Amino acid sequence: MSTRRVLHTFTGENCGEPVRRYEGEPPRNHCPHFLWSKHVMLGEQAGDPPCGAMMRGVGVGNEEVVWRCLGCGFMMQCHLP
């Protein structure tokens, strides 16, 4: 039986569920349980700082999620791992 090494763990801020990233998986900043994220990436224009507010999943399609920031309204689309 093989075991995968946990590289990173955080708690989903909206749901409180543990989120683990295992060896061989890409980095993530969203909760796979409820599709909430955090605005930690830069905005549309270079230099726009992230506001750090929660981002709600507002659309899913083609293995991608669209998030809208509840703090500043920024929207982003991301491919799910």
N, C-alpha and C. Protein backbone atom coordinates (compact mmCIF):
# COMPACT_ATOMS: atom_id res chain seq x y z
N MET A 1 0.84 -1.18 0.00
CA MET A 1 0.00 0.00 0.00
C MET A 1 0.89 1.24 0.00
N SER A 2 0.65 2.15 -0.94
CA SER A 2 1.46 3.36 -0.98
C SER A 2 0.72 4.50 -0.29
N THR A 3 1.47 5.36 0.33
CA THR A 3 0.88 6.52 0.98
C THR A 3 1.43 7.77 0.34
N ARG A 4 0.57 8.76 0.19
CA ARG A 4 1.01 10.03 -0.37
C ARG A 4 1.34 10.98 0.77
N ARG A 5 2.41 11.71 0.59
CA ARG A 5 2.86 12.66 1.62
C ARG A 5 2.06 13.96 1.50
N VAL A 6 1.55 14.44 2.63
CA VAL A 6 0.83 15.71 2.68
C VAL A 6 1.86 16.84 2.65
N LEU A 7 1.72 17.75 1.67
CA LEU A 7 2.65 18.87 1.55
C LEU A 7 2.15 20.13 2.23
N HIS A 8 0.83 20.29 2.27
CA HIS A 8 0.27 21.54 2.78
C HIS A 8 -1.15 21.27 3.27
N THR A 9 -1.54 21.88 4.37
CA THR A 9 -2.90 21.75 4.89
C THR A 9 -3.38 23.13 5.32
N PHE A 10 -4.63 23.45 5.00
CA PHE A 10 -5.23 24.66 5.53
C PHE A 10 -6.70 24.37 5.82
N THR A 11 -7.34 25.25 6.55
CA THR A 11 -8.75 25.09 6.90
C THR A 11 -9.56 26.03 6.03
N GLY A 12 -10.61 25.49 5.38
CA GLY A 12 -11.49 26.33 4.58
C GLY A 12 -12.13 27.39 5.45
N GLU A 13 -11.95 28.66 5.09
CA GLU A 13 -12.44 29.74 5.95
C GLU A 13 -13.96 29.83 5.96
N ASN A 14 -14.61 29.37 4.91
CA ASN A 14 -16.07 29.43 4.87
C ASN A 14 -16.71 28.24 5.58
N CYS A 15 -16.11 27.06 5.46
CA CYS A 15 -16.74 25.84 5.97
C CYS A 15 -16.03 25.21 7.17
N GLY A 16 -14.75 25.54 7.38
CA GLY A 16 -14.01 24.95 8.48
C GLY A 16 -13.47 23.56 8.21
N GLU A 17 -13.65 23.06 6.97
CA GLU A 17 -13.17 21.72 6.61
C GLU A 17 -11.66 21.75 6.34
N PRO A 18 -10.94 20.69 6.71
CA PRO A 18 -9.51 20.63 6.38
C PRO A 18 -9.31 20.39 4.89
N VAL A 19 -8.35 21.09 4.31
CA VAL A 19 -8.00 20.93 2.90
C VAL A 19 -6.54 20.53 2.84
N ARG A 20 -6.26 19.39 2.26
CA ARG A 20 -4.89 18.88 2.19
C ARG A 20 -4.42 18.87 0.75
N ARG A 21 -3.15 19.20 0.55
CA ARG A 21 -2.52 19.08 -0.76
C ARG A 21 -1.48 17.98 -0.64
N TYR A 22 -1.60 16.99 -1.50
CA TYR A 22 -0.70 15.84 -1.46
C TYR A 22 0.41 15.98 -2.49
N GLU A 23 1.49 15.28 -2.25
CA GLU A 23 2.61 15.24 -3.18
C GLU A 23 2.09 14.85 -4.56
N GLY A 24 2.53 15.56 -5.59
CA GLY A 24 2.11 15.28 -6.95
C GLY A 24 0.90 16.07 -7.40
N GLU A 25 0.23 16.79 -6.49
CA GLU A 25 -0.90 17.63 -6.85
C GLU A 25 -0.45 19.07 -7.03
N PRO A 26 -1.11 19.83 -7.90
CA PRO A 26 -0.76 21.25 -8.06
C PRO A 26 -1.19 22.05 -6.83
N PRO A 27 -0.60 23.23 -6.61
CA PRO A 27 -1.00 24.08 -5.49
C PRO A 27 -2.47 24.49 -5.62
N ARG A 28 -3.12 24.75 -4.51
CA ARG A 28 -4.50 25.21 -4.54
C ARG A 28 -4.72 26.25 -3.46
N ASN A 29 -5.65 27.15 -3.68
CA ASN A 29 -6.04 28.11 -2.66
C ASN A 29 -7.55 28.13 -2.51
N HIS A 30 -8.21 27.07 -3.01
CA HIS A 30 -9.66 26.99 -2.89
C HIS A 30 -10.05 25.75 -2.10
N CYS A 31 -11.25 25.79 -1.58
CA CYS A 31 -11.79 24.65 -0.83
C CYS A 31 -12.55 23.75 -1.79
N PRO A 32 -12.12 22.51 -1.99
CA PRO A 32 -12.80 21.63 -2.92
C PRO A 32 -14.15 21.12 -2.39
N HIS A 33 -14.42 21.34 -1.10
CA HIS A 33 -15.68 20.88 -0.53
C HIS A 33 -16.84 21.78 -0.94
N PHE A 34 -16.62 23.08 -0.92
CA PHE A 34 -17.71 24.03 -1.17
C PHE A 34 -17.36 25.10 -2.21
N LEU A 35 -16.21 24.96 -2.88
CA LEU A 35 -15.78 25.87 -3.95
C LEU A 35 -15.75 27.33 -3.52
N TRP A 36 -15.18 27.58 -2.37
CA TRP A 36 -14.87 28.94 -1.94
C TRP A 36 -13.37 29.10 -2.04
N SER A 37 -12.93 30.32 -2.26
CA SER A 37 -11.52 30.61 -2.37
C SER A 37 -11.24 31.88 -1.58
N LYS A 38 -10.05 32.39 -1.73
CA LYS A 38 -9.67 33.64 -1.08
C LYS A 38 -8.95 34.49 -2.11
N HIS A 39 -9.24 35.80 -2.12
CA HIS A 39 -8.63 36.70 -3.10
C HIS A 39 -7.19 36.98 -2.70
N VAL A 40 -6.32 36.07 -3.13
CA VAL A 40 -4.90 36.19 -2.80
C VAL A 40 -4.05 36.38 -4.05
N MET A 41 -4.67 36.34 -5.23
CA MET A 41 -3.93 36.55 -6.47
C MET A 41 -4.13 38.00 -6.93
N LEU A 42 -3.21 38.47 -7.76
CA LEU A 42 -3.30 39.84 -8.26
C LEU A 42 -4.53 40.04 -9.13
N GLY A 43 -5.02 41.27 -9.17
CA GLY A 43 -6.18 41.62 -9.96
C GLY A 43 -5.87 41.72 -11.44
N GLU A 44 -6.87 42.18 -12.21
CA GLU A 44 -6.76 42.24 -13.67
C GLU A 44 -5.57 43.08 -14.13
N GLN A 45 -5.37 44.21 -13.49
CA GLN A 45 -4.27 45.09 -13.91
C GLN A 45 -3.05 44.78 -13.07
N ALA A 46 -1.92 44.73 -13.73
CA ALA A 46 -0.68 44.46 -13.00
C ALA A 46 -0.54 45.47 -11.86
N GLY A 47 -0.23 44.97 -10.71
CA GLY A 47 -0.05 45.85 -9.56
C GLY A 47 -1.26 45.99 -8.68
N ASP A 48 -2.46 45.53 -9.16
CA ASP A 48 -3.63 45.58 -8.29
C ASP A 48 -3.44 44.57 -7.17
N PRO A 49 -3.38 45.02 -5.93
CA PRO A 49 -3.16 44.07 -4.83
C PRO A 49 -4.43 43.28 -4.55
N PRO A 50 -4.29 42.02 -4.13
CA PRO A 50 -5.46 41.25 -3.74
C PRO A 50 -6.04 41.81 -2.45
N CYS A 51 -7.36 41.80 -2.31
CA CYS A 51 -7.97 42.40 -1.11
C CYS A 51 -8.07 41.43 0.06
N GLY A 52 -7.89 40.10 -0.19
CA GLY A 52 -7.90 39.13 0.89
C GLY A 52 -9.29 38.68 1.33
N ALA A 53 -10.34 39.17 0.66
CA ALA A 53 -11.71 38.77 1.02
C ALA A 53 -12.02 37.37 0.47
N MET A 54 -13.13 36.81 0.90
CA MET A 54 -13.56 35.51 0.42
C MET A 54 -14.11 35.63 -1.00
N MET A 55 -13.90 34.56 -1.79
CA MET A 55 -14.41 34.52 -3.15
C MET A 55 -15.37 33.34 -3.27
N ARG A 56 -16.58 33.62 -3.74
CA ARG A 56 -17.62 32.59 -3.87
C ARG A 56 -17.59 32.02 -5.28
N GLY A 57 -17.69 30.71 -5.39
CA GLY A 57 -17.81 30.07 -6.69
C GLY A 57 -19.16 30.41 -7.28
N VAL A 58 -19.18 31.06 -8.46
CA VAL A 58 -20.43 31.50 -9.07
C VAL A 58 -20.73 30.78 -10.38
N GLY A 59 -19.83 29.94 -10.84
CA GLY A 59 -20.06 29.20 -12.07
C GLY A 59 -19.07 28.07 -12.23
N VAL A 60 -19.51 26.97 -12.84
CA VAL A 60 -18.66 25.81 -13.08
C VAL A 60 -18.92 25.32 -14.48
N GLY A 61 -17.84 24.99 -15.20
CA GLY A 61 -17.98 24.43 -16.53
C GLY A 61 -16.64 24.06 -17.12
N ASN A 62 -16.60 22.99 -17.91
CA ASN A 62 -15.35 22.56 -18.56
C ASN A 62 -14.19 22.44 -17.58
N GLU A 63 -14.45 21.87 -16.41
CA GLU A 63 -13.42 21.68 -15.37
C GLU A 63 -12.83 23.00 -14.89
N GLU A 64 -13.61 24.07 -14.99
CA GLU A 64 -13.18 25.37 -14.50
C GLU A 64 -14.24 25.95 -13.57
N VAL A 65 -13.79 26.78 -12.65
CA VAL A 65 -14.69 27.47 -11.73
C VAL A 65 -14.49 28.98 -11.92
N VAL A 66 -15.59 29.72 -11.84
CA VAL A 66 -15.54 31.17 -11.86
C VAL A 66 -15.83 31.64 -10.45
N TRP A 67 -14.95 32.49 -9.90
CA TRP A 67 -15.12 33.04 -8.56
C TRP A 67 -15.36 34.53 -8.64
N ARG A 68 -16.17 35.02 -7.71
CA ARG A 68 -16.39 36.47 -7.56
C ARG A 68 -16.01 36.85 -6.14
N CYS A 69 -15.15 37.87 -6.03
CA CYS A 69 -14.70 38.33 -4.73
C CYS A 69 -15.81 39.11 -4.04
N LEU A 70 -16.13 38.73 -2.80
CA LEU A 70 -17.18 39.41 -2.05
C LEU A 70 -16.71 40.76 -1.51
N GLY A 71 -15.40 41.01 -1.55
CA GLY A 71 -14.88 42.28 -1.06
C GLY A 71 -14.83 43.36 -2.12
N CYS A 72 -14.27 43.03 -3.28
CA CYS A 72 -14.05 44.06 -4.31
C CYS A 72 -14.76 43.76 -5.63
N GLY A 73 -15.38 42.60 -5.76
CA GLY A 73 -16.11 42.27 -6.98
C GLY A 73 -15.27 41.67 -8.09
N PHE A 74 -13.95 41.56 -7.89
CA PHE A 74 -13.07 40.98 -8.90
C PHE A 74 -13.54 39.57 -9.23
N MET A 75 -13.51 39.22 -10.52
CA MET A 75 -13.89 37.87 -10.93
C MET A 75 -12.70 37.20 -11.60
N MET A 76 -12.56 35.89 -11.37
CA MET A 76 -11.50 35.14 -12.01
C MET A 76 -11.98 33.74 -12.32
N GLN A 77 -11.39 33.18 -13.34
CA GLN A 77 -11.71 31.81 -13.78
C GLN A 77 -10.47 30.97 -13.62
N CYS A 78 -10.64 29.78 -13.09
CA CYS A 78 -9.49 28.93 -12.80
C CYS A 78 -9.79 27.48 -13.16
N HIS A 79 -8.80 26.80 -13.73
CA HIS A 79 -8.92 25.38 -14.02
C HIS A 79 -8.76 24.61 -12.72
N LEU A 80 -9.63 23.63 -12.50
CA LEU A 80 -9.53 22.81 -11.29
C LEU A 80 -8.52 21.69 -11.51
N PRO A 81 -7.73 21.39 -10.47
CA PRO A 81 -6.76 20.30 -10.59
C PRO A 81 -7.45 18.95 -10.61
